Amino acid sequence: MSKDPEEIAGWQRLDNWTTTSGRLRDGDIDKLAELGVRHVINLALSDSPGALPDEAEELAQRGIRYTHIPVPFDAPEEGHYATFLEALRNGDRPVHVHCIMNWRVSAFFYRYHCESGAMSPETARILMEMQWSPETSDSPHAATWANFITTGN
C-alpha cells in the first residue's frame, strides 16, 4: 500500500478502508488510485469554489467508481444522509469521501459513527474535530450542522 497522501487538503484516514479529505486538486486522483481507492463519494456541489472540473470522468478513466451527493452547505437534509449511507454500504472499498473543506464529510461520519455504534460519541467527535466543530465554528450555518449531526442521536 502506498503512503497516505497527506498533502491532499484536509486529508484524514478513518480506518483501513476509509479516507476523507477536502477538495481534490489536479494530481490527487492519481494519488487515490495509487492507494487502491475503488470508490469516491463527493458531498460538495459541482460549482463549489475549488471543485475539480471533470472529476467523474477522471475517476472513470482510472476505473474508480464515483458517487456525487451534492449537499448544500446551508441545507443538509436527511435525504442526503440516507444517500450517503447507501453509497457507503453498497460501494466498493477502499472508499474516499470528500467535499471542499472536509467539514460536510466529517459531520456525516460523526453521525454515522455514533448511529452505527462503530465508535463512541467521544471518539467520533475527536475525529470530526480534527477537521471542524459545528458548535465552535463561526460559520453562519454552524447551528444547522450542529442540529444535523445530532438528529439521529
N, C-alpha and C. Protein backbone atom coordinates (compact mmCIF):
# COMPACT_ATOMS: atom_id res chain seq x y z
N MET A 1 0.85 -1.17 0.00
CA MET A 1 0.00 0.00 0.00
C MET A 1 0.89 1.24 0.00
N SER A 2 0.53 2.21 -0.77
CA SER A 2 1.26 3.47 -0.83
C SER A 2 1.07 4.27 0.44
N LYS A 3 1.97 5.19 0.66
CA LYS A 3 1.90 6.10 1.80
C LYS A 3 0.72 7.05 1.61
N ASP A 4 0.02 7.36 2.71
CA ASP A 4 -1.10 8.29 2.64
C ASP A 4 -0.65 9.64 2.08
N PRO A 5 -1.39 10.17 1.12
CA PRO A 5 -1.05 11.47 0.53
C PRO A 5 -1.55 12.63 1.39
N GLU A 6 -0.85 12.88 2.48
CA GLU A 6 -1.29 13.88 3.44
C GLU A 6 -1.27 15.29 2.89
N GLU A 7 -0.68 15.48 1.70
CA GLU A 7 -0.70 16.80 1.08
C GLU A 7 -2.06 17.12 0.45
N ILE A 8 -2.95 16.13 0.36
CA ILE A 8 -4.31 16.39 -0.10
C ILE A 8 -5.00 17.20 1.00
N ALA A 9 -5.68 18.26 0.62
CA ALA A 9 -6.31 19.18 1.57
C ALA A 9 -7.24 18.45 2.53
N GLY A 10 -7.05 18.66 3.83
CA GLY A 10 -7.94 18.08 4.84
C GLY A 10 -7.86 16.57 4.93
N TRP A 11 -6.75 15.97 4.53
CA TRP A 11 -6.61 14.50 4.50
C TRP A 11 -6.83 13.89 5.87
N GLN A 12 -7.57 12.78 5.90
CA GLN A 12 -7.77 12.05 7.14
C GLN A 12 -8.06 10.59 6.82
N ARG A 13 -7.39 9.70 7.51
CA ARG A 13 -7.67 8.27 7.39
C ARG A 13 -8.52 7.87 8.59
N LEU A 14 -9.69 7.29 8.32
CA LEU A 14 -10.59 6.85 9.39
C LEU A 14 -10.33 5.41 9.79
N ASP A 15 -10.00 4.57 8.81
CA ASP A 15 -9.67 3.16 9.07
C ASP A 15 -8.97 2.62 7.84
N ASN A 16 -8.74 1.32 7.79
CA ASN A 16 -8.01 0.73 6.66
C ASN A 16 -8.73 0.87 5.33
N TRP A 17 -10.05 1.09 5.38
CA TRP A 17 -10.85 1.10 4.16
C TRP A 17 -11.45 2.45 3.84
N THR A 18 -11.24 3.45 4.71
CA THR A 18 -11.94 4.72 4.55
C THR A 18 -11.01 5.89 4.78
N THR A 19 -10.95 6.77 3.77
CA THR A 19 -10.20 8.02 3.89
C THR A 19 -11.12 9.17 3.51
N THR A 20 -10.78 10.37 3.99
CA THR A 20 -11.57 11.56 3.69
C THR A 20 -10.65 12.72 3.40
N SER A 21 -11.23 13.76 2.80
CA SER A 21 -10.45 14.97 2.55
C SER A 21 -11.38 16.12 2.18
N GLY A 22 -10.74 17.26 2.02
CA GLY A 22 -11.39 18.40 1.41
C GLY A 22 -11.29 18.25 -0.10
N ARG A 23 -11.29 19.37 -0.78
CA ARG A 23 -11.32 19.34 -2.25
C ARG A 23 -10.14 18.60 -2.85
N LEU A 24 -10.40 17.99 -3.99
CA LEU A 24 -9.35 17.32 -4.75
C LEU A 24 -8.81 18.30 -5.78
N ARG A 25 -7.52 18.24 -6.00
CA ARG A 25 -6.85 19.09 -6.99
C ARG A 25 -6.26 18.21 -8.08
N ASP A 26 -5.75 18.84 -9.13
CA ASP A 26 -5.07 18.10 -10.18
C ASP A 26 -4.00 17.21 -9.56
N GLY A 27 -3.96 15.96 -9.95
CA GLY A 27 -2.97 15.02 -9.45
C GLY A 27 -3.44 14.20 -8.26
N ASP A 28 -4.45 14.69 -7.53
CA ASP A 28 -4.91 13.95 -6.35
C ASP A 28 -5.57 12.63 -6.70
N ILE A 29 -6.24 12.58 -7.84
CA ILE A 29 -6.91 11.33 -8.22
C ILE A 29 -5.88 10.24 -8.49
N ASP A 30 -4.73 10.61 -9.06
CA ASP A 30 -3.66 9.63 -9.25
C ASP A 30 -3.18 9.10 -7.90
N LYS A 31 -3.09 9.97 -6.91
CA LYS A 31 -2.65 9.55 -5.58
C LYS A 31 -3.67 8.60 -4.95
N LEU A 32 -4.97 8.88 -5.15
CA LEU A 32 -6.00 7.97 -4.63
C LEU A 32 -5.93 6.62 -5.33
N ALA A 33 -5.70 6.63 -6.64
CA ALA A 33 -5.58 5.38 -7.39
C ALA A 33 -4.39 4.58 -6.90
N GLU A 34 -3.27 5.24 -6.60
CA GLU A 34 -2.09 4.55 -6.08
C GLU A 34 -2.37 3.88 -4.74
N LEU A 35 -3.27 4.47 -3.96
CA LEU A 35 -3.66 3.88 -2.67
C LEU A 35 -4.59 2.69 -2.85
N GLY A 36 -5.14 2.53 -4.04
CA GLY A 36 -6.08 1.44 -4.29
C GLY A 36 -7.52 1.81 -4.07
N VAL A 37 -7.81 3.11 -3.97
CA VAL A 37 -9.19 3.56 -3.78
C VAL A 37 -10.04 3.05 -4.94
N ARG A 38 -11.19 2.47 -4.61
CA ARG A 38 -12.09 1.91 -5.63
C ARG A 38 -13.38 2.71 -5.79
N HIS A 39 -13.64 3.62 -4.83
CA HIS A 39 -14.90 4.37 -4.84
C HIS A 39 -14.65 5.74 -4.22
N VAL A 40 -15.11 6.78 -4.89
CA VAL A 40 -15.04 8.14 -4.36
C VAL A 40 -16.45 8.67 -4.22
N ILE A 41 -16.75 9.20 -3.03
CA ILE A 41 -18.04 9.84 -2.77
C ILE A 41 -17.74 11.32 -2.55
N ASN A 42 -18.42 12.17 -3.31
CA ASN A 42 -18.22 13.62 -3.26
C ASN A 42 -19.48 14.27 -2.70
N LEU A 43 -19.36 14.98 -1.57
CA LEU A 43 -20.51 15.65 -0.96
C LEU A 43 -20.59 17.13 -1.32
N ALA A 44 -19.62 17.63 -2.09
CA ALA A 44 -19.63 19.06 -2.46
C ALA A 44 -20.50 19.30 -3.68
N LEU A 45 -20.91 20.54 -3.83
CA LEU A 45 -21.62 20.93 -5.05
C LEU A 45 -20.62 21.01 -6.19
N SER A 46 -21.05 20.68 -7.39
CA SER A 46 -20.13 20.70 -8.53
C SER A 46 -19.65 22.10 -8.86
N ASP A 47 -20.41 23.13 -8.44
CA ASP A 47 -19.99 24.51 -8.72
C ASP A 47 -19.37 25.19 -7.49
N SER A 48 -18.99 24.40 -6.49
CA SER A 48 -18.32 24.96 -5.32
C SER A 48 -16.97 25.55 -5.74
N PRO A 49 -16.58 26.65 -5.13
CA PRO A 49 -15.24 27.19 -5.43
C PRO A 49 -14.18 26.13 -5.13
N GLY A 50 -13.33 25.90 -6.10
CA GLY A 50 -12.28 24.91 -5.91
C GLY A 50 -12.65 23.50 -6.32
N ALA A 51 -13.90 23.27 -6.74
CA ALA A 51 -14.30 21.93 -7.17
C ALA A 51 -13.48 21.52 -8.39
N LEU A 52 -13.10 20.26 -8.44
CA LEU A 52 -12.29 19.75 -9.54
C LEU A 52 -13.18 19.52 -10.76
N PRO A 53 -12.92 20.25 -11.84
CA PRO A 53 -13.72 20.04 -13.06
C PRO A 53 -13.50 18.62 -13.60
N ASP A 54 -14.51 18.03 -14.13
CA ASP A 54 -14.42 16.70 -14.75
C ASP A 54 -13.96 15.60 -13.80
N GLU A 55 -14.28 15.75 -12.51
CA GLU A 55 -13.88 14.75 -11.52
C GLU A 55 -14.40 13.36 -11.89
N ALA A 56 -15.67 13.27 -12.25
CA ALA A 56 -16.27 11.97 -12.57
C ALA A 56 -15.53 11.30 -13.73
N GLU A 57 -15.21 12.06 -14.76
CA GLU A 57 -14.52 11.50 -15.92
C GLU A 57 -13.11 11.04 -15.57
N GLU A 58 -12.40 11.84 -14.76
CA GLU A 58 -11.05 11.47 -14.35
C GLU A 58 -11.06 10.18 -13.53
N LEU A 59 -12.02 10.05 -12.66
CA LEU A 59 -12.13 8.83 -11.86
C LEU A 59 -12.47 7.63 -12.74
N ALA A 60 -13.40 7.82 -13.65
CA ALA A 60 -13.80 6.72 -14.55
C ALA A 60 -12.61 6.24 -15.38
N GLN A 61 -11.76 7.15 -15.81
CA GLN A 61 -10.58 6.77 -16.60
C GLN A 61 -9.64 5.87 -15.81
N ARG A 62 -9.70 5.95 -14.49
CA ARG A 62 -8.82 5.15 -13.64
C ARG A 62 -9.57 3.95 -13.03
N GLY A 63 -10.81 3.74 -13.48
CA GLY A 63 -11.59 2.61 -13.00
C GLY A 63 -12.11 2.77 -11.59
N ILE A 64 -12.27 4.01 -11.14
CA ILE A 64 -12.76 4.28 -9.79
C ILE A 64 -14.22 4.69 -9.86
N ARG A 65 -15.05 4.00 -9.11
CA ARG A 65 -16.48 4.32 -9.04
C ARG A 65 -16.67 5.69 -8.41
N TYR A 66 -17.70 6.42 -8.87
CA TYR A 66 -17.93 7.79 -8.38
C TYR A 66 -19.39 7.95 -8.01
N THR A 67 -19.63 8.48 -6.81
CA THR A 67 -20.97 8.83 -6.36
C THR A 67 -20.95 10.29 -5.95
N HIS A 68 -21.80 11.08 -6.57
CA HIS A 68 -21.88 12.50 -6.24
C HIS A 68 -23.19 12.76 -5.50
N ILE A 69 -23.06 13.27 -4.28
CA ILE A 69 -24.21 13.62 -3.45
C ILE A 69 -24.05 15.09 -3.10
N PRO A 70 -24.56 15.98 -3.95
CA PRO A 70 -24.36 17.41 -3.70
C PRO A 70 -25.15 17.89 -2.48
N VAL A 71 -24.43 18.23 -1.42
CA VAL A 71 -25.04 18.67 -0.17
C VAL A 71 -24.80 20.17 -0.03
N PRO A 72 -25.84 20.99 -0.17
CA PRO A 72 -25.65 22.43 0.04
C PRO A 72 -25.20 22.68 1.48
N PHE A 73 -24.15 23.48 1.65
CA PHE A 73 -23.61 23.67 2.99
C PHE A 73 -24.62 24.33 3.92
N ASP A 74 -25.53 25.10 3.37
CA ASP A 74 -26.52 25.78 4.21
C ASP A 74 -27.78 24.95 4.44
N ALA A 75 -27.85 23.75 3.84
CA ALA A 75 -29.09 22.98 3.96
C ALA A 75 -28.88 21.47 3.82
N PRO A 76 -28.11 20.84 4.72
CA PRO A 76 -28.02 19.38 4.66
C PRO A 76 -29.37 18.77 5.02
N GLU A 77 -29.73 17.72 4.32
CA GLU A 77 -31.04 17.10 4.53
C GLU A 77 -30.89 15.61 4.86
N GLU A 78 -31.94 15.06 5.44
CA GLU A 78 -31.95 13.64 5.76
C GLU A 78 -31.78 12.79 4.50
N GLY A 79 -32.34 13.25 3.40
CA GLY A 79 -32.18 12.52 2.14
C GLY A 79 -30.73 12.42 1.70
N HIS A 80 -29.96 13.49 1.91
CA HIS A 80 -28.53 13.46 1.60
C HIS A 80 -27.84 12.39 2.45
N TYR A 81 -28.17 12.39 3.73
CA TYR A 81 -27.55 11.44 4.65
C TYR A 81 -27.93 10.00 4.28
N ALA A 82 -29.18 9.77 3.94
CA ALA A 82 -29.63 8.42 3.55
C ALA A 82 -28.90 7.96 2.29
N THR A 83 -28.71 8.85 1.34
CA THR A 83 -27.98 8.51 0.11
C THR A 83 -26.52 8.22 0.42
N PHE A 84 -25.94 8.99 1.33
CA PHE A 84 -24.57 8.76 1.78
C PHE A 84 -24.44 7.36 2.40
N LEU A 85 -25.36 7.00 3.28
CA LEU A 85 -25.32 5.69 3.91
C LEU A 85 -25.41 4.58 2.87
N GLU A 86 -26.31 4.74 1.92
CA GLU A 86 -26.47 3.74 0.87
C GLU A 86 -25.18 3.60 0.06
N ALA A 87 -24.58 4.72 -0.32
CA ALA A 87 -23.34 4.69 -1.10
C ALA A 87 -22.21 4.04 -0.30
N LEU A 88 -22.16 4.34 0.97
CA LEU A 88 -21.12 3.80 1.83
C LEU A 88 -21.28 2.29 1.99
N ARG A 89 -22.50 1.84 2.18
CA ARG A 89 -22.77 0.42 2.40
C ARG A 89 -22.66 -0.41 1.13
N ASN A 90 -23.02 0.18 0.00
CA ASN A 90 -23.09 -0.59 -1.24
C ASN A 90 -21.94 -0.31 -2.20
N GLY A 91 -20.98 0.47 -1.77
CA GLY A 91 -19.87 0.82 -2.64
C GLY A 91 -18.68 -0.08 -2.47
N ASP A 92 -17.77 0.05 -3.40
CA ASP A 92 -16.53 -0.70 -3.34
C ASP A 92 -15.63 -0.12 -2.26
N ARG A 93 -14.70 -0.90 -1.80
CA ARG A 93 -13.71 -0.48 -0.81
C ARG A 93 -12.32 -0.67 -1.41
N PRO A 94 -11.38 0.11 -1.02
CA PRO A 94 -11.43 1.26 -0.14
C PRO A 94 -12.22 2.42 -0.75
N VAL A 95 -12.78 3.23 0.14
CA VAL A 95 -13.60 4.37 -0.28
C VAL A 95 -12.94 5.66 0.22
N HIS A 96 -13.03 6.69 -0.61
CA HIS A 96 -12.56 8.02 -0.23
C HIS A 96 -13.76 8.96 -0.33
N VAL A 97 -14.03 9.71 0.74
CA VAL A 97 -15.16 10.63 0.77
C VAL A 97 -14.61 12.04 0.94
N HIS A 98 -15.08 12.96 0.09
CA HIS A 98 -14.56 14.32 0.18
C HIS A 98 -15.66 15.34 -0.07
N CYS A 99 -15.35 16.58 0.31
CA CYS A 99 -16.16 17.76 -0.04
C CYS A 99 -15.16 18.86 -0.37
N ILE A 100 -15.34 20.05 0.09
CA ILE A 100 -14.38 21.12 -0.20
C ILE A 100 -13.42 21.34 0.97
N MET A 101 -13.93 21.35 2.20
CA MET A 101 -13.10 21.61 3.38
C MET A 101 -13.01 20.40 4.32
N ASN A 102 -13.69 19.31 4.01
CA ASN A 102 -13.84 18.14 4.88
C ASN A 102 -14.71 18.48 6.09
N TRP A 103 -15.56 19.46 5.97
CA TRP A 103 -16.50 19.78 7.04
C TRP A 103 -17.77 18.96 6.89
N ARG A 104 -18.35 18.95 5.70
CA ARG A 104 -19.55 18.12 5.47
C ARG A 104 -19.23 16.67 5.79
N VAL A 105 -18.11 16.21 5.24
CA VAL A 105 -17.73 14.81 5.38
C VAL A 105 -17.52 14.45 6.84
N SER A 106 -16.78 15.28 7.58
CA SER A 106 -16.52 14.95 8.98
C SER A 106 -17.81 14.93 9.79
N ALA A 107 -18.75 15.81 9.46
CA ALA A 107 -20.04 15.81 10.15
C ALA A 107 -20.85 14.56 9.80
N PHE A 108 -20.87 14.17 8.53
CA PHE A 108 -21.59 12.96 8.13
C PHE A 108 -20.99 11.74 8.83
N PHE A 109 -19.66 11.65 8.87
CA PHE A 109 -19.04 10.49 9.52
C PHE A 109 -19.23 10.52 11.03
N TYR A 110 -19.24 11.68 11.64
CA TYR A 110 -19.53 11.75 13.08
C TYR A 110 -20.88 11.09 13.34
N ARG A 111 -21.88 11.54 12.60
CA ARG A 111 -23.22 10.99 12.79
C ARG A 111 -23.27 9.49 12.49
N TYR A 112 -22.62 9.09 11.41
CA TYR A 112 -22.58 7.68 11.04
C TYR A 112 -21.93 6.84 12.15
N HIS A 113 -20.78 7.28 12.62
CA HIS A 113 -20.08 6.51 13.66
C HIS A 113 -20.92 6.40 14.94
N CYS A 114 -21.60 7.47 15.30
CA CYS A 114 -22.45 7.44 16.50
C CYS A 114 -23.65 6.53 16.31
N GLU A 115 -24.35 6.68 15.19
CA GLU A 115 -25.57 5.90 14.95
C GLU A 115 -25.30 4.42 14.75
N SER A 116 -24.19 4.09 14.09
CA SER A 116 -23.90 2.70 13.80
C SER A 116 -23.26 1.98 14.99
N GLY A 117 -22.81 2.75 15.97
CA GLY A 117 -22.12 2.15 17.10
C GLY A 117 -20.68 1.78 16.78
N ALA A 118 -20.19 2.22 15.61
CA ALA A 118 -18.82 1.91 15.21
C ALA A 118 -17.80 2.58 16.12
N MET A 119 -18.20 3.70 16.72
CA MET A 119 -17.32 4.44 17.64
C MET A 119 -18.17 5.04 18.73
N SER A 120 -17.54 5.29 19.84
CA SER A 120 -18.23 6.03 20.88
C SER A 120 -18.40 7.47 20.40
N PRO A 121 -19.41 8.18 20.90
CA PRO A 121 -19.56 9.58 20.51
C PRO A 121 -18.30 10.41 20.81
N GLU A 122 -17.60 10.08 21.88
CA GLU A 122 -16.39 10.83 22.23
C GLU A 122 -15.29 10.62 21.18
N THR A 123 -15.08 9.37 20.77
CA THR A 123 -14.07 9.08 19.76
C THR A 123 -14.46 9.68 18.42
N ALA A 124 -15.74 9.55 18.06
CA ALA A 124 -16.22 10.12 16.78
C ALA A 124 -16.05 11.64 16.78
N ARG A 125 -16.29 12.27 17.91
CA ARG A 125 -16.15 13.73 18.00
C ARG A 125 -14.69 14.15 17.84
N ILE A 126 -13.77 13.39 18.41
CA ILE A 126 -12.35 13.70 18.26
C ILE A 126 -11.98 13.69 16.78
N LEU A 127 -12.43 12.66 16.05
CA LEU A 127 -12.15 12.60 14.61
C LEU A 127 -12.76 13.78 13.87
N MET A 128 -14.02 14.10 14.17
CA MET A 128 -14.67 15.22 13.49
C MET A 128 -13.94 16.52 13.78
N GLU A 129 -13.58 16.73 15.03
CA GLU A 129 -12.96 18.00 15.41
C GLU A 129 -11.53 18.14 14.91
N MET A 130 -10.96 17.09 14.35
CA MET A 130 -9.68 17.24 13.67
C MET A 130 -9.86 18.08 12.41
N GLN A 131 -11.11 18.15 11.92
CA GLN A 131 -11.43 18.96 10.74
C GLN A 131 -12.18 20.23 11.12
N TRP A 132 -13.22 20.09 11.95
CA TRP A 132 -14.00 21.24 12.39
C TRP A 132 -15.00 20.83 13.45
N SER A 133 -15.58 21.81 14.11
CA SER A 133 -16.63 21.57 15.09
C SER A 133 -17.76 22.55 14.82
N PRO A 134 -18.95 22.04 14.48
CA PRO A 134 -20.08 22.95 14.24
C PRO A 134 -20.40 23.83 15.45
N GLU A 135 -20.19 23.28 16.64
CA GLU A 135 -20.55 24.03 17.85
C GLU A 135 -19.64 25.23 18.11
N THR A 136 -18.42 25.19 17.60
CA THR A 136 -17.49 26.29 17.84
C THR A 136 -17.14 27.07 16.58
N SER A 137 -17.71 26.69 15.47
CA SER A 137 -17.43 27.35 14.20
C SER A 137 -18.08 28.72 14.14
N ASP A 138 -17.44 29.63 13.41
CA ASP A 138 -18.06 30.93 13.18
C ASP A 138 -18.83 30.97 11.86
N SER A 139 -19.02 29.80 11.25
CA SER A 139 -19.81 29.71 10.03
C SER A 139 -21.25 30.11 10.32
N PRO A 140 -21.89 30.87 9.41
CA PRO A 140 -23.30 31.21 9.63
C PRO A 140 -24.22 30.00 9.60
N HIS A 141 -23.71 28.86 9.17
CA HIS A 141 -24.52 27.64 9.09
C HIS A 141 -24.17 26.63 10.17
N ALA A 142 -23.37 27.04 11.14
CA ALA A 142 -22.91 26.12 12.18
C ALA A 142 -24.07 25.51 12.96
N ALA A 143 -25.07 26.30 13.30
CA ALA A 143 -26.21 25.77 14.07
C ALA A 143 -26.97 24.71 13.27
N THR A 144 -27.08 24.92 11.97
CA THR A 144 -27.73 23.93 11.10
C THR A 144 -26.98 22.60 11.19
N TRP A 145 -25.66 22.66 11.14
CA TRP A 145 -24.86 21.44 11.19
C TRP A 145 -24.86 20.82 12.58
N ALA A 146 -24.84 21.63 13.62
CA ALA A 146 -24.90 21.10 14.98
C ALA A 146 -26.20 20.32 15.18
N ASN A 147 -27.28 20.84 14.64
CA ASN A 147 -28.56 20.13 14.71
C ASN A 147 -28.53 18.86 13.84
N PHE A 148 -27.97 18.97 12.66
CA PHE A 148 -27.91 17.83 11.72
C PHE A 148 -27.18 16.65 12.33
N ILE A 149 -26.04 16.88 12.97
CA ILE A 149 -25.26 15.75 13.46
C ILE A 149 -25.89 15.08 14.67
N THR A 150 -26.81 15.77 15.33
CA THR A 150 -27.47 15.16 16.50
C THR A 150 -28.87 14.64 16.18
N THR A 151 -29.32 14.81 14.96
CA THR A 151 -30.67 14.40 14.58
C THR A 151 -30.92 12.93 14.87
N GLY A 152 -29.94 12.09 14.56
CA GLY A 152 -30.14 10.66 14.73
C GLY A 152 -29.75 10.15 16.10
N ASN A 153 -29.21 10.99 16.95
CA ASN A 153 -28.74 10.54 18.27
C ASN A 153 -29.84 10.56 19.29
